């Protein structure tokens, strides 16, 4: 009788494990905004809504190191820490912005971000 209950419990646990979504689908809830200079020299602002967590996000508007200036003035209004990087692909110098209220001035330059 105990063996039957143990097997049933193990089978139930296996079903739960297989039906729970993986961690890669998790997103930082909220918005992350930054400012960049467009091709005509005008400042534009972009907001990433519910960005993916644990994945490097290279900012398309600032990705090319030699032809585009880096983005600046990040504002982290997500529920996760945002680690901003001076280079694309989450490389170079880094700076961490706290959840909900983290931000940087025009002096904080970035080309990619990772939400942790």
PDB file of N, CA and C in Angstrom:
ATOM      1  N   UNK A   1       0.822  -1.192   0.000  1.00  0.00           N
ATOM      2  CA  UNK A   1       0.000   0.000   0.000  1.00  0.00           C
ATOM      3  C   UNK A   1       0.870   1.262   0.000  1.00  0.00           C
ATOM      4  N   UNK A   2       1.910   1.282   0.833  1.00  0.00           N
ATOM      5  CA  UNK A   2       2.785   2.451   0.871  1.00  0.00           C
ATOM      6  C   UNK A   2       3.502   2.652  -0.448  1.00  0.00           C
ATOM      7  N   UNK A   3       3.895   1.569  -1.074  1.00  0.00           N
ATOM      8  CA  UNK A   3       4.586   1.667  -2.352  1.00  0.00           C
ATOM      9  C   UNK A   3       3.684   2.322  -3.395  1.00  0.00           C
ATOM     10  N   UNK A   4       2.420   1.960  -3.405  1.00  0.00           N
ATOM     11  CA  UNK A   4       1.475   2.534  -4.358  1.00  0.00           C
ATOM     12  C   UNK A   4       1.339   4.042  -4.133  1.00  0.00           C
ATOM     13  N   UNK A   5       1.242   4.471  -2.862  1.00  0.00           N
ATOM     14  CA  UNK A   5       1.137   5.899  -2.549  1.00  0.00           C
ATOM     15  C   UNK A   5       2.415   6.635  -2.933  1.00  0.00           C
ATOM     16  N   UNK A   6       3.547   6.010  -2.699  1.00  0.00           N
ATOM     17  CA  UNK A   6       4.829   6.631  -3.054  1.00  0.00           C
ATOM     18  C   UNK A   6       4.945   6.811  -4.558  1.00  0.00           C
ATOM     19  N   UNK A   7       4.549   5.783  -5.298  1.00  0.00           N
ATOM     20  CA  UNK A   7       4.602   5.881  -6.759  1.00  0.00           C
ATOM     21  C   UNK A   7       3.646   6.955  -7.276  1.00  0.00           C
ATOM     22  N   UNK A   8       2.473   7.042  -6.686  1.00  0.00           N
ATOM     23  CA  UNK A   8       1.507   8.063  -7.102  1.00  0.00           C
ATOM     24  C   UNK A   8       2.048   9.466  -6.804  1.00  0.00           C
ATOM     25  N   UNK A   9       2.669   9.649  -5.646  1.00  0.00           N
ATOM     26  CA  UNK A   9       3.239  10.949  -5.288  1.00  0.00           C
ATOM     27  C   UNK A   9       4.383  11.313  -6.224  1.00  0.00           C
ATOM     28  N   UNK A  10       5.228  10.345  -6.550  1.00  0.00           N
ATOM     29  CA  UNK A  10       6.350  10.593  -7.460  1.00  0.00           C
ATOM     30  C   UNK A  10       5.842  10.957  -8.854  1.00  0.00           C
ATOM     31  N   UNK A  11       4.828  10.273  -9.322  1.00  0.00           N
ATOM     32  CA  UNK A  11       4.257  10.570 -10.636  1.00  0.00           C
ATOM     33  C   UNK A  11       3.645  11.961 -10.650  1.00  0.00           C
ATOM     34  N   UNK A  12       2.950  12.332  -9.578  1.00  0.00           N
ATOM     35  CA  UNK A  12       2.363  13.669  -9.488  1.00  0.00           C
ATOM     36  C   UNK A  12       3.426  14.755  -9.487  1.00  0.00           C
ATOM     37  N   UNK A  13       4.528  14.514  -8.758  1.00  0.00           N
ATOM     38  CA  UNK A  13       5.622  15.487  -8.730  1.00  0.00           C
ATOM     39  C   UNK A  13       6.250  15.640 -10.111  1.00  0.00           C
ATOM     40  N   UNK A  14       6.413  14.538 -10.824  1.00  0.00           N
ATOM     41  CA  UNK A  14       6.993  14.582 -12.163  1.00  0.00           C
ATOM     42  C   UNK A  14       6.107  15.399 -13.109  1.00  0.00           C
ATOM     43  N   UNK A  15       4.812  15.239 -13.007  1.00  0.00           N
ATOM     44  CA  UNK A  15       3.891  16.007 -13.852  1.00  0.00           C
ATOM     45  C   UNK A  15       4.018  17.495 -13.549  1.00  0.00           C
ATOM     46  N   UNK A  16       4.105  17.859 -12.279  1.00  0.00           N
ATOM     47  CA  UNK A  16       4.259  19.267 -11.914  1.00  0.00           C
ATOM     48  C   UNK A  16       5.551  19.847 -12.460  1.00  0.00           C
ATOM     49  N   UNK A  17       6.639  19.108 -12.347  1.00  0.00           N
ATOM     50  CA  UNK A  17       7.928  19.593 -12.839  1.00  0.00           C
ATOM     51  C   UNK A  17       7.877  19.816 -14.345  1.00  0.00           C
ATOM     52  N   UNK A  18       7.232  18.930 -15.052  1.00  0.00           N
ATOM     53  CA  UNK A  18       7.179  19.043 -16.503  1.00  0.00           C
ATOM     54  C   UNK A  18       6.242  20.135 -16.984  1.00  0.00           C
ATOM     55  N   UNK A  19       5.276  20.542 -16.175  1.00  0.00           N
ATOM     56  CA  UNK A  19       4.323  21.555 -16.628  1.00  0.00           C
ATOM     57  C   UNK A  19       4.675  22.967 -16.195  1.00  0.00           C
ATOM     58  N   UNK A  20       5.617  23.153 -15.269  1.00  0.00           N
ATOM     59  CA  UNK A  20       6.018  24.488 -14.825  1.00  0.00           C
ATOM     60  C   UNK A  20       6.914  25.092 -15.896  1.00  0.00           C
ATOM     61  N   UNK A  21       6.653  26.327 -16.325  1.00  0.00           N
ATOM     62  CA  UNK A  21       7.477  26.929 -17.365  1.00  0.00           C
ATOM     63  C   UNK A  21       8.901  27.136 -16.888  1.00  0.00           C
ATOM     64  N   UNK A  22       9.837  27.110 -17.828  1.00  0.00           N
ATOM     65  CA  UNK A  22      11.248  27.284 -17.510  1.00  0.00           C
ATOM     66  C   UNK A  22      11.579  28.711 -17.131  1.00  0.00           C
ATOM     67  N   UNK A  23      12.739  28.904 -16.524  1.00  0.00           N
ATOM     68  CA  UNK A  23      13.173  30.211 -16.077  1.00  0.00           C
ATOM     69  C   UNK A  23      13.463  31.179 -17.214  1.00  0.00           C
ATOM     70  N   UNK A  24      13.740  30.685 -18.417  1.00  0.00           N
ATOM     71  CA  UNK A  24      14.088  31.566 -19.519  1.00  0.00           C
ATOM     72  C   UNK A  24      12.911  32.423 -19.973  1.00  0.00           C
ATOM     73  N   UNK A  25      11.706  32.070 -19.598  1.00  0.00           N
ATOM     74  CA  UNK A  25      10.530  32.836 -20.009  1.00  0.00           C
ATOM     75  C   UNK A  25      10.242  33.989 -19.051  1.00  0.00           C
ATOM     76  N   UNK A  26      10.975  34.094 -17.970  1.00  0.00           N
ATOM     77  CA  UNK A  26      10.745  35.135 -16.983  1.00  0.00           C
ATOM     78  C   UNK A  26      11.119  36.504 -17.558  1.00  0.00           C
ATOM     79  N   UNK A  27      10.323  37.494 -17.273  1.00  0.00           N
ATOM     80  CA  UNK A  27      10.600  38.854 -17.725  1.00  0.00           C
ATOM     81  C   UNK A  27      10.613  39.786 -16.525  1.00  0.00           C
ATOM     82  N   UNK A  28      11.467  40.786 -16.608  1.00  0.00           N
ATOM     83  CA  UNK A  28      11.456  41.845 -15.614  1.00  0.00           C
ATOM     84  C   UNK A  28      10.204  42.672 -15.881  1.00  0.00           C
ATOM     85  N   UNK A  29       9.367  42.855 -14.894  1.00  0.00           N
ATOM     86  CA  UNK A  29       8.127  43.599 -15.100  1.00  0.00           C
ATOM     87  C   UNK A  29       8.366  45.090 -14.931  1.00  0.00           C
ATOM     88  N   UNK A  30       7.856  45.856 -15.880  1.00  0.00           N
ATOM     89  CA  UNK A  30       8.014  47.298 -15.843  1.00  0.00           C
ATOM     90  C   UNK A  30       8.737  47.796 -17.079  1.00  0.00           C
ATOM     91  N   UNK A  31       9.215  49.018 -17.019  1.00  0.00           N
ATOM     92  CA  UNK A  31       9.874  49.616 -18.168  1.00  0.00           C
ATOM     93  C   UNK A  31      11.298  50.044 -17.877  1.00  0.00           C
ATOM     94  N   UNK A  32      12.131  49.958 -18.888  1.00  0.00           N
ATOM     95  CA  UNK A  32      13.512  50.437 -18.835  1.00  0.00           C
ATOM     96  C   UNK A  32      13.675  51.396 -20.002  1.00  0.00           C
ATOM     97  N   UNK A  33      13.997  52.637 -19.711  1.00  0.00           N
ATOM     98  CA  UNK A  33      14.114  53.626 -20.786  1.00  0.00           C
ATOM     99  C   UNK A  33      15.530  54.171 -20.875  1.00  0.00           C
ATOM    100  N   UNK A  34      15.858  54.678 -22.054  1.00  0.00           N
ATOM    101  CA  UNK A  34      17.159  55.290 -22.295  1.00  0.00           C
ATOM    102  C   UNK A  34      17.008  56.284 -23.437  1.00  0.00           C
ATOM    103  N   UNK A  35      17.996  57.151 -23.580  1.00  0.00           N
ATOM    104  CA  UNK A  35      17.997  58.164 -24.622  1.00  0.00           C
ATOM    105  C   UNK A  35      19.143  57.871 -25.583  1.00  0.00           C
ATOM    106  N   UNK A  36      18.910  58.085 -26.866  1.00  0.00           N
ATOM    107  CA  UNK A  36      19.962  57.919 -27.866  1.00  0.00           C
ATOM    108  C   UNK A  36      19.872  59.055 -28.881  1.00  0.00           C
ATOM    109  N   UNK A  37      20.917  59.187 -29.675  1.00  0.00           N
ATOM    110  CA  UNK A  37      20.968  60.209 -30.721  1.00  0.00           C
ATOM    111  C   UNK A  37      20.663  59.522 -32.054  1.00  0.00           C
ATOM    112  N   UNK A  38      19.629  59.984 -32.763  1.00  0.00           N
ATOM    113  CA  UNK A  38      19.277  59.350 -34.040  1.00  0.00           C
ATOM    114  C   UNK A  38      20.193  59.842 -35.161  1.00  0.00           C
ATOM    115  N   UNK A  39      19.994  59.338 -36.364  1.00  0.00           N
ATOM    116  CA  UNK A  39      20.876  59.643 -37.495  1.00  0.00           C
ATOM    117  C   UNK A  39      20.848  61.116 -37.909  1.00  0.00           C
ATOM    118  N   UNK A  40      19.802  61.848 -37.530  1.00  0.00           N
ATOM    119  CA  UNK A  40      19.744  63.277 -37.850  1.00  0.00           C
ATOM    120  C   UNK A  40      20.254  64.147 -36.700  1.00  0.00           C
ATOM    121  N   UNK A  41      20.774  63.499 -35.646  1.00  0.00           N
ATOM    122  CA  UNK A  41      21.342  64.245 -34.531  1.00  0.00           C
ATOM    123  C   UNK A  41      20.358  64.616 -33.440  1.00  0.00           C
ATOM    124  N   UNK A  42      19.123  64.131 -33.546  1.00  0.00           N
ATOM    125  CA  UNK A  42      18.086  64.435 -32.558  1.00  0.00           C
ATOM    126  C   UNK A  42      18.078  63.379 -31.450  1.00  0.00           C
ATOM    127  N   UNK A  43      17.790  63.815 -30.229  1.00  0.00           N
ATOM    128  CA  UNK A  43      17.648  62.875 -29.114  1.00  0.00           C
ATOM    129  C   UNK A  43      16.289  62.197 -29.173  1.00  0.00           C
ATOM    130  N   UNK A  44      16.288  60.905 -28.995  1.00  0.00           N
ATOM    131  CA  UNK A  44      15.066  60.100 -28.964  1.00  0.00           C
ATOM    132  C   UNK A  44      15.092  59.252 -27.699  1.00  0.00           C
ATOM    133  N   UNK A  45      13.933  58.908 -27.187  1.00  0.00           N
ATOM    134  CA  UNK A  45      13.849  58.053 -26.009  1.00  0.00           C
ATOM    135  C   UNK A  45      13.118  56.758 -26.366  1.00  0.00           C
ATOM    136  N   UNK A  46      13.630  55.654 -25.838  1.00  0.00           N
ATOM    137  CA  UNK A  46      13.057  54.331 -26.066  1.00  0.00           C
ATOM    138  C   UNK A  46      12.766  53.713 -24.708  1.00  0.00           C
ATOM    139  N   UNK A  47      11.673  52.963 -24.618  1.00  0.00           N
ATOM    140  CA  UNK A  47      11.360  52.203 -23.404  1.00  0.00           C
ATOM    141  C   UNK A  47      11.199  50.737 -23.771  1.00  0.00           C
ATOM    142  N   UNK A  48      11.934  49.888 -23.069  1.00  0.00           N
ATOM    143  CA  UNK A  48      11.768  48.445 -23.197  1.00  0.00           C
ATOM    144  C   UNK A  48      10.729  48.035 -22.166  1.00  0.00           C
ATOM    145  N   UNK A  49       9.622  47.444 -22.594  1.00  0.00           N
ATOM    146  CA  UNK A  49       8.554  47.029 -21.696  1.00  0.00           C
ATOM    147  C   UNK A  49       8.713  45.548 -21.363  1.00  0.00           C
ATOM    148  N   UNK A  50       8.719  45.211 -20.076  1.00  0.00           N
ATOM    149  CA  UNK A  50       8.853  43.836 -19.595  1.00  0.00           C
ATOM    150  C   UNK A  50       9.987  43.101 -20.312  1.00  0.00           C
ATOM    151  N   UNK A  51      11.222  43.617 -20.209  1.00  0.00           N
ATOM    152  CA  UNK A  51      12.346  42.987 -20.910  1.00  0.00           C
ATOM    153  C   UNK A  51      12.678  41.616 -20.315  1.00  0.00           C
ATOM    154  N   UNK A  52      13.290  40.737 -21.113  1.00  0.00           N
ATOM    155  CA  UNK A  52      13.619  39.396 -20.628  1.00  0.00           C
ATOM    156  C   UNK A  52      14.700  39.448 -19.548  1.00  0.00           C
ATOM    157  N   UNK A  53      14.593  38.579 -18.559  1.00  0.00           N
ATOM    158  CA  UNK A  53      15.594  38.490 -17.500  1.00  0.00           C
ATOM    159  C   UNK A  53      16.631  37.441 -17.864  1.00  0.00           C
ATOM    160  N   UNK A  54      17.861  37.693 -17.462  1.00  0.00           N
ATOM    161  CA  UNK A  54      18.926  36.725 -17.673  1.00  0.00           C
ATOM    162  C   UNK A  54      19.441  36.663 -19.097  1.00  0.00           C
ATOM    163  N   UNK A  55      18.996  37.559 -19.963  1.00  0.00           N
ATOM    164  CA  UNK A  55      19.448  37.606 -21.350  1.00  0.00           C
ATOM    165  C   UNK A  55      20.021  38.986 -21.633  1.00  0.00           C
ATOM    166  N   UNK A  56      21.137  39.018 -22.334  1.00  0.00           N
ATOM    167  CA  UNK A  56      21.733  40.298 -22.711  1.00  0.00           C
ATOM    168  C   UNK A  56      20.870  40.962 -23.777  1.00  0.00           C
ATOM    169  N   UNK A  57      20.572  42.239 -23.577  1.00  0.00           N
ATOM    170  CA  UNK A  57      19.825  43.020 -24.568  1.00  0.00           C
ATOM    171  C   UNK A  57      20.770  44.097 -25.098  1.00  0.00           C
ATOM    172  N   UNK A  58      21.189  43.953 -26.345  1.00  0.00           N
ATOM    173  CA  UNK A  58      22.000  44.983 -26.984  1.00  0.00           C
ATOM    174  C   UNK A  58      21.057  46.020 -27.563  1.00  0.00           C
ATOM    175  N   UNK A  59      21.305  47.281 -27.269  1.00  0.00           N
ATOM    176  CA  UNK A  59      20.434  48.368 -27.704  1.00  0.00           C
ATOM    177  C   UNK A  59      20.694  48.655 -29.184  1.00  0.00           C
ATOM    178  N   UNK A  60      19.729  48.359 -30.021  1.00  0.00           N
ATOM    179  CA  UNK A  60      19.899  48.470 -31.470  1.00  0.00           C
ATOM    180  C   UNK A  60      20.322  49.879 -31.895  1.00  0.00           C
ATOM    181  N   UNK A  61      19.826  50.880 -31.221  1.00  0.00           N
ATOM    182  CA  UNK A  61      20.112  52.268 -31.597  1.00  0.00           C
ATOM    183  C   UNK A  61      21.527  52.700 -31.215  1.00  0.00           C
ATOM    184  N   UNK A  62      22.228  51.887 -30.448  1.00  0.00           N
ATOM    185  CA  UNK A  62      23.569  52.256 -29.982  1.00  0.00           C
ATOM    186  C   UNK A  62      24.560  51.105 -30.106  1.00  0.00           C
ATOM    187  N   UNK A  63      24.230  50.094 -30.890  1.00  0.00           N
ATOM    188  CA  UNK A  63      25.035  48.871 -30.935  1.00  0.00           C
ATOM    189  C   UNK A  63      26.365  49.031 -31.660  1.00  0.00           C
ATOM    190  N   UNK A  64      26.396  49.836 -32.707  1.00  0.00           N
ATOM    191  CA  UNK A  64      27.601  49.959 -33.530  1.00  0.00           C
ATOM    192  C   UNK A  64      28.573  50.966 -32.919  1.00  0.00           C
ATOM    193  N   UNK A  65      29.644  50.460 -32.370  1.00  0.00           N
ATOM    194  CA  UNK A  65      30.594  51.287 -31.621  1.00  0.00           C
ATOM    195  C   UNK A  65      31.203  52.411 -32.458  1.00  0.00           C
ATOM    196  N   UNK A  66      31.493  52.165 -33.734  1.00  0.00           N
ATOM    197  CA  UNK A  66      32.201  53.161 -34.532  1.00  0.00           C
ATOM    198  C   UNK A  66      31.288  54.097 -35.312  1.00  0.00           C
ATOM    199  N   UNK A  67      30.025  53.741 -35.466  1.00  0.00           N
ATOM    200  CA  UNK A  67      29.139  54.587 -36.265  1.00  0.00           C
ATOM    201  C   UNK A  67      27.980  55.192 -35.486  1.00  0.00           C
ATOM    202  N   UNK A  68      27.754  54.756 -34.246  1.00  0.00           N
ATOM    203  CA  UNK A  68      26.648  55.278 -33.439  1.00  0.00           C
ATOM    204  C   UNK A  68      27.168  55.673 -32.060  1.00  0.00           C
ATOM    205  N   UNK A  69      26.739  56.829 -31.562  1.00  0.00           N
ATOM    206  CA  UNK A  69      27.122  57.157 -30.182  1.00  0.00           C
ATOM    207  C   UNK A  69      26.373  56.249 -29.209  1.00  0.00           C
ATOM    208  N   UNK A  70      26.935  56.035 -28.027  1.00  0.00           N
ATOM    209  CA  UNK A  70      26.229  55.198 -27.049  1.00  0.00           C
ATOM    210  C   UNK A  70      24.966  55.888 -26.545  1.00  0.00           C
ATOM    211  N   UNK A  71      24.057  55.086 -26.035  1.00  0.00           N
ATOM    212  CA  UNK A  71      22.858  55.625 -25.390  1.00  0.00           C
ATOM    213  C   UNK A  71      23.272  56.207 -24.029  1.00  0.00           C
ATOM    214  N   UNK A  72      22.356  56.942 -23.417  1.00  0.00           N
ATOM    215  CA  UNK A  72      22.647  57.537 -22.110  1.00  0.00           C
ATOM    216  C   UNK A  72      21.363  57.741 -21.318  1.00  0.00           C
ATOM    217  N   UNK A  73      21.490  58.214 -20.117  1.00  0.00           N
ATOM    218  CA  UNK A  73      20.370  58.551 -19.223  1.00  0.00           C
ATOM    219  C   UNK A  73      19.388  57.400 -19.006  1.00  0.00           C
ATOM    220  N   UNK A  74      19.880  56.215 -18.615  1.00  0.00           N
ATOM    221  CA  UNK A  74      18.956  55.093 -18.393  1.00  0.00           C
ATOM    222  C   UNK A  74      18.098  55.300 -17.154  1.00  0.00           C
ATOM    223  N   UNK A  75      16.886  54.782 -17.212  1.00  0.00           N
ATOM    224  CA  UNK A  75      15.957  54.802 -16.073  1.00  0.00           C
ATOM    225  C   UNK A  75      15.393  53.396 -15.918  1.00  0.00           C
ATOM    226  N   UNK A  76      15.636  52.782 -14.772  1.00  0.00           N
ATOM    227  CA  UNK A  76      15.150  51.426 -14.526  1.00  0.00           C
ATOM    228  C   UNK A  76      13.883  51.477 -13.690  1.00  0.00           C
ATOM    229  N   UNK A  77      12.754  51.211 -14.314  1.00  0.00           N
ATOM    230  CA  UNK A  77      11.475  51.171 -13.620  1.00  0.00           C
ATOM    231  C   UNK A  77      10.920  49.741 -13.613  1.00  0.00           C
ATOM    232  N   UNK A  78      11.820  48.761 -13.755  1.00  0.00           N
ATOM    233  CA  UNK A  78      11.417  47.355 -13.687  1.00  0.00           C
ATOM    234  C   UNK A  78      11.540  46.875 -12.246  1.00  0.00           C
ATOM    235  N   UNK A  79      11.104  45.639 -12.000  1.00  0.00           N
ATOM    236  CA  UNK A  79      11.221  45.056 -10.667  1.00  0.00           C
ATOM    237  C   UNK A  79      12.514  44.260 -10.494  1.00  0.00           C
ATOM    238  N   UNK A  80      13.447  44.413 -11.429  1.00  0.00           N
ATOM    239  CA  UNK A  80      14.725  43.701 -11.385  1.00  0.00           C
ATOM    240  C   UNK A  80      15.885  44.681 -11.413  1.00  0.00           C
ATOM    241  N   UNK A  81      17.055  44.230 -10.957  1.00  0.00           N
ATOM    242  CA  UNK A  81      18.258  45.022 -11.114  1.00  0.00           C
ATOM    243  C   UNK A  81      18.608  45.059 -12.592  1.00  0.00           C
ATOM    244  N   UNK A  82      19.054  46.203 -13.088  1.00  0.00           N
ATOM    245  CA  UNK A  82      19.493  46.346 -14.477  1.00  0.00           C
ATOM    246  C   UNK A  82      20.991  46.634 -14.454  1.00  0.00           C
ATOM    247  N   UNK A  83      21.762  45.794 -15.115  1.00  0.00           N
ATOM    248  CA  UNK A  83      23.199  45.999 -15.215  1.00  0.00           C
ATOM    249  C   UNK A  83      23.459  46.536 -16.615  1.00  0.00           C
ATOM    250  N   UNK A  84      23.909  47.787 -16.706  1.00  0.00           N
ATOM    251  CA  UNK A  84      24.168  48.403 -18.006  1.00  0.00           C
ATOM    252  C   UNK A  84      25.655  48.287 -18.328  1.00  0.00           C
ATOM    253  N   UNK A  85      25.954  48.117 -19.613  1.00  0.00           N
ATOM    254  CA  UNK A  85      27.323  47.903 -20.077  1.00  0.00           C
ATOM    255  C   UNK A  85      27.706  48.947 -21.113  1.00  0.00           C
ATOM    256  N   UNK A  86      28.987  49.300 -21.135  1.00  0.00           N
ATOM    257  CA  UNK A  86      29.470  50.306 -22.080  1.00  0.00           C
ATOM    258  C   UNK A  86      29.608  49.775 -23.496  1.00  0.00           C
ATOM    259  N   UNK A  87      29.644  48.454 -23.666  1.00  0.00           N
ATOM    260  CA  UNK A  87      29.782  47.845 -24.988  1.00  0.00           C
ATOM    261  C   UNK A  87      28.590  46.947 -25.289  1.00  0.00           C
ATOM    262  N   UNK A  88      28.434  46.590 -26.562  1.00  0.00           N
ATOM    263  CA  UNK A  88      27.405  45.633 -26.976  1.00  0.00           C
ATOM    264  C   UNK A  88      27.720  44.264 -26.389  1.00  0.00           C
ATOM    265  N   UNK A  89      26.743  43.393 -26.402  1.00  0.00           N
ATOM    266  CA  UNK A  89      26.893  42.009 -25.933  1.00  0.00           C
ATOM    267  C   UNK A  89      27.274  41.919 -24.456  1.00  0.00           C
ATOM    268  N   UNK A  90      26.844  42.897 -23.667  1.00  0.00           N
ATOM    269  CA  UNK A  90      27.076  42.915 -22.215  1.00  0.00           C
ATOM    270  C   UNK A  90      28.552  42.742 -21.871  1.00  0.00           C
ATOM    271  N   UNK A  91      29.368  43.568 -22.502  1.00  0.00           N
ATOM    272  CA  UNK A  91      30.797  43.564 -22.220  1.00  0.00           C
ATOM    273  C   UNK A  91      31.249  44.993 -21.926  1.00  0.00           C
ATOM    274  N   UNK A  92      32.452  45.119 -21.458  1.00  0.00           N
ATOM    275  CA  UNK A  92      32.992  46.430 -21.118  1.00  0.00           C
ATOM    276  C   UNK A  92      32.674  46.773 -19.671  1.00  0.00           C
ATOM    277  N   UNK A  93      32.811  48.043 -19.339  1.00  0.00           N
ATOM    278  CA  UNK A  93      32.515  48.495 -17.987  1.00  0.00           C
ATOM    279  C   UNK A  93      31.024  48.339 -17.715  1.00  0.00           C
ATOM    280  N   UNK A  94      30.689  48.135 -16.447  1.00  0.00           N
ATOM    281  CA  UNK A  94      29.286  47.931 -16.086  1.00  0.00           C
ATOM    282  C   UNK A  94      28.898  48.779 -14.890  1.00  0.00           C
ATOM    283  N   UNK A  95      27.607  49.028 -14.794  1.00  0.00           N
ATOM    284  CA  UNK A  95      27.038  49.790 -13.682  1.00  0.00           C
ATOM    285  C   UNK A  95      25.665  49.209 -13.388  1.00  0.00           C
ATOM    286  N   UNK A  96      25.341  49.011 -12.118  1.00  0.00           N
ATOM    287  CA  UNK A  96      24.076  48.404 -11.725  1.00  0.00           C
ATOM    288  C   UNK A  96      23.069  49.469 -11.284  1.00  0.00           C
ATOM    289  N   UNK A  97      21.862  49.374 -11.830  1.00  0.00           N
ATOM    290  CA  UNK A  97      20.756  50.262 -11.457  1.00  0.00           C
ATOM    291  C   UNK A  97      19.750  49.462 -10.644  1.00  0.00           C
ATOM    292  N   UNK A  98      19.358  49.972  -9.504  1.00  0.00           N
ATOM    293  CA  UNK A  98      18.422  49.253  -8.633  1.00  0.00           C
ATOM    294  C   UNK A  98      17.014  49.222  -9.233  1.00  0.00           C
ATOM    295  N   UNK A  99      16.193  48.289  -8.780  1.00  0.00           N
ATOM    296  CA  UNK A  99      14.816  48.194  -9.281  1.00  0.00           C
ATOM    297  C   UNK A  99      13.985  49.434  -8.946  1.00  0.00           C
ATOM    298  N   UNK A 100      13.029  49.733  -9.778  1.00  0.00           N
ATOM    299  CA  UNK A 100      11.993  50.756  -9.603  1.00  0.00           C
ATOM    300  C   UNK A 100      12.486  52.193  -9.672  1.00  0.00           C
ATOM    301  N   UNK A 101      13.610  52.529  -9.058  1.00  0.00           N
ATOM    302  CA  UNK A 101      14.019  53.932  -8.989  1.00  0.00           C
ATOM    303  C   UNK A 101      15.423  54.192  -9.504  1.00  0.00           C
ATOM    304  N   UNK A 102      16.096  53.177 -10.029  1.00  0.00           N
ATOM    305  CA  UNK A 102      17.471  53.363 -10.487  1.00  0.00           C
ATOM    306  C   UNK A 102      17.534  54.188 -11.753  1.00  0.00           C
ATOM    307  N   UNK A 103      18.546  55.013 -11.832  1.00  0.00           N
ATOM    308  CA  UNK A 103      18.706  55.834 -13.018  1.00  0.00           C
ATOM    309  C   UNK A 103      20.096  56.404 -13.114  1.00  0.00           C
ATOM    310  N   UNK A 104      20.416  56.898 -14.274  1.00  0.00           N
ATOM    311  CA  UNK A 104      21.713  57.507 -14.508  1.00  0.00           C
ATOM    312  C   UNK A 104      21.544  58.789 -15.300  1.00  0.00           C
ATOM    313  N   UNK A 105      22.554  59.612 -15.230  1.00  0.00           N
ATOM    314  CA  UNK A 105      22.518  60.890 -15.932  1.00  0.00           C
ATOM    315  C   UNK A 105      23.004  60.719 -17.371  1.00  0.00           C
ATOM    316  N   UNK A 106      23.135  61.823 -18.044  1.00  0.00           N
ATOM    317  CA  UNK A 106      23.635  61.838 -19.418  1.00  0.00           C
ATOM    318  C   UNK A 106      25.068  61.319 -19.488  1.00  0.00           C
ATOM    319  N   UNK A 107      25.778  61.370 -18.380  1.00  0.00           N
ATOM    320  CA  UNK A 107      27.169  60.895 -18.355  1.00  0.00           C
ATOM    321  C   UNK A 107      27.287  59.377 -18.353  1.00  0.00           C
ATOM    322  N   UNK A 108      26.211  58.669 -17.985  1.00  0.00           N
ATOM    323  CA  UNK A 108      26.247  57.200 -17.967  1.00  0.00           C
ATOM    324  C   UNK A 108      25.937  56.689 -19.375  1.00  0.00           C
ATOM    325  N   UNK A 109      26.966  56.188 -20.049  1.00  0.00           N
ATOM    326  CA  UNK A 109      26.839  55.708 -21.432  1.00  0.00           C
ATOM    327  C   UNK A 109      26.628  54.201 -21.434  1.00  0.00           C
ATOM    328  N   UNK A 110      25.792  53.711 -22.354  1.00  0.00           N
ATOM    329  CA  UNK A 110      25.515  52.279 -22.419  1.00  0.00           C
ATOM    330  C   UNK A 110      25.216  51.838 -23.836  1.00  0.00           C
ATOM    331  N   UNK A 111      25.495  50.556 -24.091  1.00  0.00           N
ATOM    332  CA  UNK A 111      25.177  49.931 -25.372  1.00  0.00           C
ATOM    333  C   UNK A 111      24.408  48.626 -25.188  1.00  0.00           C
ATOM    334  N   UNK A 112      24.364  48.106 -23.954  1.00  0.00           N
ATOM    335  CA  UNK A 112      23.624  46.862 -23.679  1.00  0.00           C
ATOM    336  C   UNK A 112      23.232  46.829 -22.225  1.00  0.00           C
ATOM    337  N   UNK A 113      22.276  45.928 -21.906  1.00  0.00           N
ATOM    338  CA  UNK A 113      21.754  45.830 -20.541  1.00  0.00           C
ATOM    339  C   UNK A 113      21.362  44.380 -20.257  1.00  0.00           C
ATOM    340  N   UNK A 114      21.502  44.004 -18.998  1.00  0.00           N
ATOM    341  CA  UNK A 114      21.119  42.669 -18.525  1.00  0.00           C
ATOM    342  C   UNK A 114      20.268  42.844 -17.287  1.00  0.00           C
ATOM    343  N   UNK A 115      19.120  42.175 -17.234  1.00  0.00           N
ATOM    344  CA  UNK A 115      18.218  42.247 -16.083  1.00  0.00           C
ATOM    345  C   UNK A 115      18.396  41.001 -15.242  1.00  0.00           C
ATOM    346  N   UNK A 116      18.691  41.217 -13.956  1.00  0.00           N
ATOM    347  CA  UNK A 116      18.981  40.085 -13.064  1.00  0.00           C
ATOM    348  C   UNK A 116      17.993  40.038 -11.919  1.00  0.00           C
TER     349      UNK A 116
END
